[in-house]
Amino acid sequence: MAKARPHPIVAQLRQRREDLGLTQATVAHRMGRGPTSISHWETGVYAPPVEAVAEWATALGVHLTLALKGASR
């Protein structure tokens, strides 16, 4: 199965995670999800469900509106 290119909002959230020095596992734990969820989303294996994007932004301390705005650039 070929990987899809991650959505721009996913790239934005990944960059924020890296800027904060957080691991994928730490963010997944904050979201109450399995440790591979973030990895799969960030690499384009799977697209995150809409509700997960909101949880992800919250786990990183980002307002979802700002994340969406940044992704549209």
Protein backbone atom coordinates (compact mmCIF):
# COMPACT_ATOMS: atom_id res chain seq x y z
CA MET A 1 0.00 0.00 0.00
CA ALA A 2 1.43 3.37 -1.03
CA LYS A 3 1.55 6.11 1.55
CA ALA A 4 -0.39 9.28 0.87
CA ARG A 5 1.17 12.66 1.47
CA PRO A 6 0.03 13.90 4.89
CA HIS A 7 -2.51 16.74 4.88
CA PRO A 8 -1.04 20.21 5.55
CA ILE A 9 -2.70 20.38 8.97
CA VAL A 10 -0.96 17.14 9.90
CA ALA A 11 2.37 18.68 8.87
CA GLN A 12 1.53 21.73 11.00
CA LEU A 13 0.75 19.59 14.04
CA ARG A 14 3.86 17.49 13.52
CA GLN A 15 6.01 20.62 13.40
CA ARG A 16 4.41 21.89 16.62
CA ARG A 17 5.07 18.52 18.32
CA GLU A 18 8.70 18.62 17.24
CA ASP A 19 9.06 22.26 18.33
CA LEU A 20 7.80 21.26 21.78
CA GLY A 21 10.24 18.34 21.92
CA LEU A 22 7.44 15.82 22.43
CA THR A 23 7.49 12.24 21.22
CA GLN A 24 4.69 10.74 19.19
CA ALA A 25 4.00 8.37 22.09
CA THR A 26 3.65 11.25 24.56
CA VAL A 27 1.13 13.04 22.37
CA ALA A 28 -0.80 9.82 21.74
CA HIS A 29 -0.95 9.21 25.49
CA ARG A 30 -2.29 12.73 26.08
CA MET A 31 -4.99 11.96 23.52
CA GLY A 32 -5.83 8.58 25.00
CA ARG A 33 -4.81 6.83 21.80
CA GLY A 34 -2.40 4.05 20.94
CA PRO A 35 1.28 4.90 20.47
CA THR A 36 1.26 4.24 16.71
CA SER A 37 -1.64 6.58 15.91
CA ILE A 38 0.49 9.71 15.61
CA SER A 39 3.14 7.89 13.58
CA HIS A 40 0.56 6.60 11.10
CA TRP A 41 -0.98 10.06 10.69
CA GLU A 42 2.32 11.90 10.38
CA THR A 43 3.68 9.52 7.75
CA GLY A 44 0.46 9.41 5.73
CA VAL A 45 -0.35 5.76 6.38
CA TYR A 46 -3.78 6.86 7.59
CA ALA A 47 -5.58 10.19 7.70
CA PRO A 48 -6.66 11.18 11.20
CA PRO A 49 -10.39 11.31 11.90
CA VAL A 50 -11.74 14.84 12.23
CA GLU A 51 -12.28 14.49 15.97
CA ALA A 52 -8.69 13.30 16.37
CA VAL A 53 -7.37 16.48 14.74
CA ALA A 54 -9.13 18.54 17.41
CA GLU A 55 -7.78 16.25 20.18
CA TRP A 56 -4.30 16.43 18.66
CA ALA A 57 -4.32 20.22 18.56
CA THR A 58 -5.50 20.34 22.17
CA ALA A 59 -2.80 17.89 23.25
CA LEU A 60 -0.23 20.26 21.75
CA GLY A 61 -1.77 23.39 23.25
CA VAL A 62 -2.79 24.74 19.85
CA HIS A 63 -6.19 26.27 19.17
CA LEU A 64 -7.70 24.34 16.28
CA THR A 65 -8.53 27.56 14.40
CA LEU A 66 -4.86 28.57 14.44
CA ALA A 67 -3.80 25.14 13.24
CA LEU A 68 -6.28 25.30 10.37
CA LYS A 69 -5.18 28.81 9.46
CA GLY A 70 -1.51 27.77 9.43
CA ALA A 71 -2.28 24.75 7.28
CA SER A 72 -4.00 26.89 4.63
CA ARG A 73 -0.85 28.91 3.87
